Amino acid sequence: MSLKSKVKSFFFLDDEYKEEEIIEEEETVKPSKNTPKQNIVSLQSVQKSSKVILMEPRVYAEAQEIADHLKSRRAVVVNLQRIQHEQAKRIIDFLSGTVYAIGGDIQKIGPNIFLCTPENVEVAGSISELIEE
């Protein structure tokens, strides 16, 4: 080898590259066993106790407190027998909007008594006396 070729090989790579063979190993996919998925519910996600709040508002301003209970996912029984008719109507309008916004339900369960429920509470059945009215 001449001095020129030695210097060239020292500073530059040879023009000929030895290509390394790359062998890709295919991942073997193990056949999955046909085990049914179990429906497991964490007990921590279930509320320990559900509460039903009883409210008897005397002024329209108390409607916000009722709405706060609904937003906290608690059912509320609202007795409007001790409030003026116009104020009671405004409260029901406000609660109807609140219940709609949270995906809940509002039902009349007696004269001037309403049950407001959030979406996590299901009410089954009806009171036949109210259907006849």
C-alpha atoms as a PDB file:
ATOM      1  CA  MET A   1       0.000   0.000   0.000  1.00  0.00           C
ATOM      2  CA  SER A   2       1.306   3.385  -0.860  1.00  0.00           C
ATOM      3  CA  LEU A   3       1.480   6.276   1.513  1.00  0.00           C
ATOM      4  CA  LYS A   4      -1.280   7.996  -0.395  1.00  0.00           C
ATOM      5  CA  SER A   5      -3.655   5.079  -0.039  1.00  0.00           C
ATOM      6  CA  LYS A   6      -2.812   4.722   3.659  1.00  0.00           C
ATOM      7  CA  VAL A   7      -3.643   8.389   4.314  1.00  0.00           C
ATOM      8  CA  LYS A   8      -6.779   8.104   2.255  1.00  0.00           C
ATOM      9  CA  SER A   9      -7.929   5.029   4.121  1.00  0.00           C
ATOM     10  CA  PHE A  10      -7.089   6.682   7.439  1.00  0.00           C
ATOM     11  CA  PHE A  11      -9.101   9.866   6.802  1.00  0.00           C
ATOM     12  CA  PHE A  12     -11.761   8.529   4.490  1.00  0.00           C
ATOM     13  CA  LEU A  13     -13.779   5.463   4.598  1.00  0.00           C
ATOM     14  CA  ASP A  14     -13.341   2.944   1.912  1.00  0.00           C
ATOM     15  CA  ASP A  15     -15.731   3.320  -0.953  1.00  0.00           C
ATOM     16  CA  GLU A  16     -16.840  -0.179  -0.419  1.00  0.00           C
ATOM     17  CA  TYR A  17     -19.108  -0.620   2.518  1.00  0.00           C
ATOM     18  CA  LYS A  18     -19.808  -3.927   3.932  1.00  0.00           C
ATOM     19  CA  GLU A  19     -23.488  -4.059   4.333  1.00  0.00           C
ATOM     20  CA  GLU A  20     -24.599  -5.798   7.393  1.00  0.00           C
ATOM     21  CA  GLU A  21     -27.437  -8.081   6.963  1.00  0.00           C
ATOM     22  CA  ILE A  22     -30.316  -6.988   9.090  1.00  0.00           C
ATOM     23  CA  ILE A  23     -32.467  -9.821  10.130  1.00  0.00           C
ATOM     24  CA  GLU A  24     -35.797  -8.731  11.457  1.00  0.00           C
ATOM     25  CA  GLU A  25     -37.390 -11.144  13.764  1.00  0.00           C
ATOM     26  CA  GLU A  26     -41.097 -11.318  13.424  1.00  0.00           C
ATOM     27  CA  GLU A  27     -42.928 -11.124  16.665  1.00  0.00           C
ATOM     28  CA  THR A  28     -44.829 -14.239  17.239  1.00  0.00           C
ATOM     29  CA  VAL A  29     -48.376 -13.454  18.117  1.00  0.00           C
ATOM     30  CA  LYS A  30     -49.672 -15.813  20.691  1.00  0.00           C
ATOM     31  CA  PRO A  31     -53.254 -16.777  20.080  1.00  0.00           C
ATOM     32  CA  SER A  32     -55.403 -15.132  22.659  1.00  0.00           C
ATOM     33  CA  LYS A  33     -57.443 -17.365  24.798  1.00  0.00           C
ATOM     34  CA  ASN A  34     -61.131 -16.789  24.410  1.00  0.00           C
ATOM     35  CA  THR A  35     -61.693 -15.687  27.951  1.00  0.00           C
ATOM     36  CA  PRO A  36     -64.757 -13.538  28.486  1.00  0.00           C
ATOM     37  CA  LYS A  37     -64.096 -10.105  29.879  1.00  0.00           C
ATOM     38  CA  GLN A  38     -65.419  -9.738  33.351  1.00  0.00           C
ATOM     39  CA  ASN A  39     -67.477  -6.726  34.288  1.00  0.00           C
ATOM     40  CA  ILE A  40     -65.689  -5.495  37.352  1.00  0.00           C
ATOM     41  CA  VAL A  41     -66.840  -2.393  39.161  1.00  0.00           C
ATOM     42  CA  SER A  42     -64.647  -0.721  41.697  1.00  0.00           C
ATOM     43  CA  LEU A  43     -66.398  -0.446  45.014  1.00  0.00           C
ATOM     44  CA  GLN A  44     -64.820   2.937  45.526  1.00  0.00           C
ATOM     45  CA  SER A  45     -66.746   4.344  42.568  1.00  0.00           C
ATOM     46  CA  VAL A  46     -70.078   3.379  44.125  1.00  0.00           C
ATOM     47  CA  GLN A  47     -71.416   5.914  46.557  1.00  0.00           C
ATOM     48  CA  LYS A  48     -71.523   4.621  50.098  1.00  0.00           C
ATOM     49  CA  SER A  49     -74.946   6.086  50.773  1.00  0.00           C
ATOM     50  CA  SER A  50     -77.374   8.005  48.656  1.00  0.00           C
ATOM     51  CA  LYS A  51     -79.176  10.911  50.219  1.00  0.00           C
ATOM     52  CA  VAL A  52     -82.565  12.387  49.517  1.00  0.00           C
ATOM     53  CA  ILE A  53     -82.773  16.014  50.574  1.00  0.00           C
ATOM     54  CA  LEU A  54     -86.066  17.453  51.822  1.00  0.00           C
ATOM     55  CA  MET A  55     -86.465  21.179  51.122  1.00  0.00           C
ATOM     56  CA  GLU A  56     -89.264  23.571  51.965  1.00  0.00           C
ATOM     57  CA  PRO A  57     -88.230  26.907  50.467  1.00  0.00           C
ATOM     58  CA  ARG A  58     -89.786  30.094  51.845  1.00  0.00           C
ATOM     59  CA  VAL A  59     -88.214  32.479  49.306  1.00  0.00           C
ATOM     60  CA  TYR A  60     -87.055  32.213  45.701  1.00  0.00           C
ATOM     61  CA  ALA A  61     -83.394  32.601  46.729  1.00  0.00           C
ATOM     62  CA  GLU A  62     -83.446  29.115  48.273  1.00  0.00           C
ATOM     63  CA  ALA A  63     -83.844  27.603  44.797  1.00  0.00           C
ATOM     64  CA  GLN A  64     -80.099  27.909  44.260  1.00  0.00           C
ATOM     65  CA  GLU A  65     -79.429  25.685  47.289  1.00  0.00           C
ATOM     66  CA  ILE A  66     -81.762  23.066  45.810  1.00  0.00           C
ATOM     67  CA  ALA A  67     -79.918  23.292  42.489  1.00  0.00           C
ATOM     68  CA  ASP A  68     -76.584  22.822  44.300  1.00  0.00           C
ATOM     69  CA  HIS A  69     -77.865  19.569  45.812  1.00  0.00           C
ATOM     70  CA  LEU A  70     -78.909  18.384  42.352  1.00  0.00           C
ATOM     71  CA  LYS A  71     -75.496  19.259  40.940  1.00  0.00           C
ATOM     72  CA  SER A  72     -73.988  17.165  43.754  1.00  0.00           C
ATOM     73  CA  ARG A  73     -76.035  14.212  42.456  1.00  0.00           C
ATOM     74  CA  ARG A  74     -78.544  14.113  45.310  1.00  0.00           C
ATOM     75  CA  ALA A  75     -82.302  13.755  44.866  1.00  0.00           C
ATOM     76  CA  VAL A  76     -84.416  16.559  46.344  1.00  0.00           C
ATOM     77  CA  VAL A  77     -88.045  16.542  47.463  1.00  0.00           C
ATOM     78  CA  VAL A  78     -89.347  20.115  47.252  1.00  0.00           C
ATOM     79  CA  ASN A  79     -92.423  21.115  49.269  1.00  0.00           C
ATOM     80  CA  LEU A  80     -93.867  24.375  47.918  1.00  0.00           C
ATOM     81  CA  GLN A  81     -96.964  24.514  50.138  1.00  0.00           C
ATOM     82  CA  ARG A  82     -95.705  27.397  52.280  1.00  0.00           C
ATOM     83  CA  ILE A  83     -94.733  29.803  49.532  1.00  0.00           C
ATOM     84  CA  GLN A  84     -96.808  32.107  47.341  1.00  0.00           C
ATOM     85  CA  HIS A  85     -98.019  30.637  44.062  1.00  0.00           C
ATOM     86  CA  GLU A  86     -95.992  33.032  41.866  1.00  0.00           C
ATOM     87  CA  GLN A  87     -92.781  32.327  43.804  1.00  0.00           C
ATOM     88  CA  ALA A  88     -93.454  28.576  43.627  1.00  0.00           C
ATOM     89  CA  LYS A  89     -93.909  28.815  39.868  1.00  0.00           C
ATOM     90  CA  ARG A  90     -90.580  30.642  39.489  1.00  0.00           C
ATOM     91  CA  ILE A  91     -88.811  28.017  41.622  1.00  0.00           C
ATOM     92  CA  ILE A  92     -90.231  25.178  39.517  1.00  0.00           C
ATOM     93  CA  ASP A  93     -89.140  26.969  36.327  1.00  0.00           C
ATOM     94  CA  PHE A  94     -85.627  27.401  37.738  1.00  0.00           C
ATOM     95  CA  LEU A  95     -85.422  23.784  38.900  1.00  0.00           C
ATOM     96  CA  SER A  96     -86.761  22.531  35.567  1.00  0.00           C
ATOM     97  CA  GLY A  97     -83.880  24.276  33.826  1.00  0.00           C
ATOM     98  CA  THR A  98     -81.392  22.906  36.326  1.00  0.00           C
ATOM     99  CA  VAL A  99     -82.697  19.359  35.964  1.00  0.00           C
ATOM    100  CA  TYR A 100     -82.611  19.641  32.172  1.00  0.00           C
ATOM    101  CA  ALA A 101     -79.012  20.880  32.247  1.00  0.00           C
ATOM    102  CA  ILE A 102     -77.802  17.946  34.358  1.00  0.00           C
ATOM    103  CA  GLY A 103     -79.875  15.345  32.494  1.00  0.00           C
ATOM    104  CA  GLY A 104     -82.160  14.615  35.437  1.00  0.00           C
ATOM    105  CA  ASP A 105     -85.906  14.542  35.925  1.00  0.00           C
ATOM    106  CA  ILE A 106     -88.602  16.411  37.831  1.00  0.00           C
ATOM    107  CA  GLN A 107     -91.916  14.839  38.849  1.00  0.00           C
ATOM    108  CA  LYS A 108     -94.927  16.021  40.769  1.00  0.00           C
ATOM    109  CA  ILE A 109     -95.545  13.638  43.663  1.00  0.00           C
ATOM    110  CA  GLY A 110     -98.262  15.545  45.488  1.00  0.00           C
ATOM    111  CA  PRO A 111    -100.046  18.889  45.624  1.00  0.00           C
ATOM    112  CA  ASN A 112     -97.224  21.444  45.460  1.00  0.00           C
ATOM    113  CA  ILE A 113     -94.637  18.711  46.152  1.00  0.00           C
ATOM    114  CA  PHE A 114     -92.031  17.835  43.536  1.00  0.00           C
ATOM    115  CA  LEU A 115     -89.253  15.265  43.271  1.00  0.00           C
ATOM    116  CA  CYS A 116     -86.139  16.481  41.469  1.00  0.00           C
ATOM    117  CA  THR A 117     -83.581  13.815  40.595  1.00  0.00           C
ATOM    118  CA  PRO A 118     -80.166  13.933  38.922  1.00  0.00           C
ATOM    119  CA  GLU A 119     -79.273  11.567  36.085  1.00  0.00           C
ATOM    120  CA  ASN A 120     -77.877   8.898  38.433  1.00  0.00           C
ATOM    121  CA  VAL A 121     -81.253   8.376  40.187  1.00  0.00           C
ATOM    122  CA  GLU A 122     -84.037   6.426  38.529  1.00  0.00           C
ATOM    123  CA  VAL A 123     -87.633   6.818  39.684  1.00  0.00           C
ATOM    124  CA  ALA A 124     -89.949   3.898  38.985  1.00  0.00           C
ATOM    125  CA  GLY A 125     -93.727   3.876  39.254  1.00  0.00           C
ATOM    126  CA  SER A 126     -96.300   6.626  39.413  1.00  0.00           C
ATOM    127  CA  ILE A 127     -98.846   7.988  41.835  1.00  0.00           C
ATOM    128  CA  SER A 128    -102.299   7.193  40.438  1.00  0.00           C
ATOM    129  CA  GLU A 129    -103.994  10.053  42.267  1.00  0.00           C
ATOM    130  CA  LEU A 130    -102.023  12.579  40.214  1.00  0.00           C
ATOM    131  CA  ILE A 131    -102.852  10.908  36.916  1.00  0.00           C
ATOM    132  CA  GLU A 132    -106.582  11.393  37.535  1.00  0.00           C
ATOM    133  CA  GLU A 133    -106.194  15.160  38.076  1.00  0.00           C
END
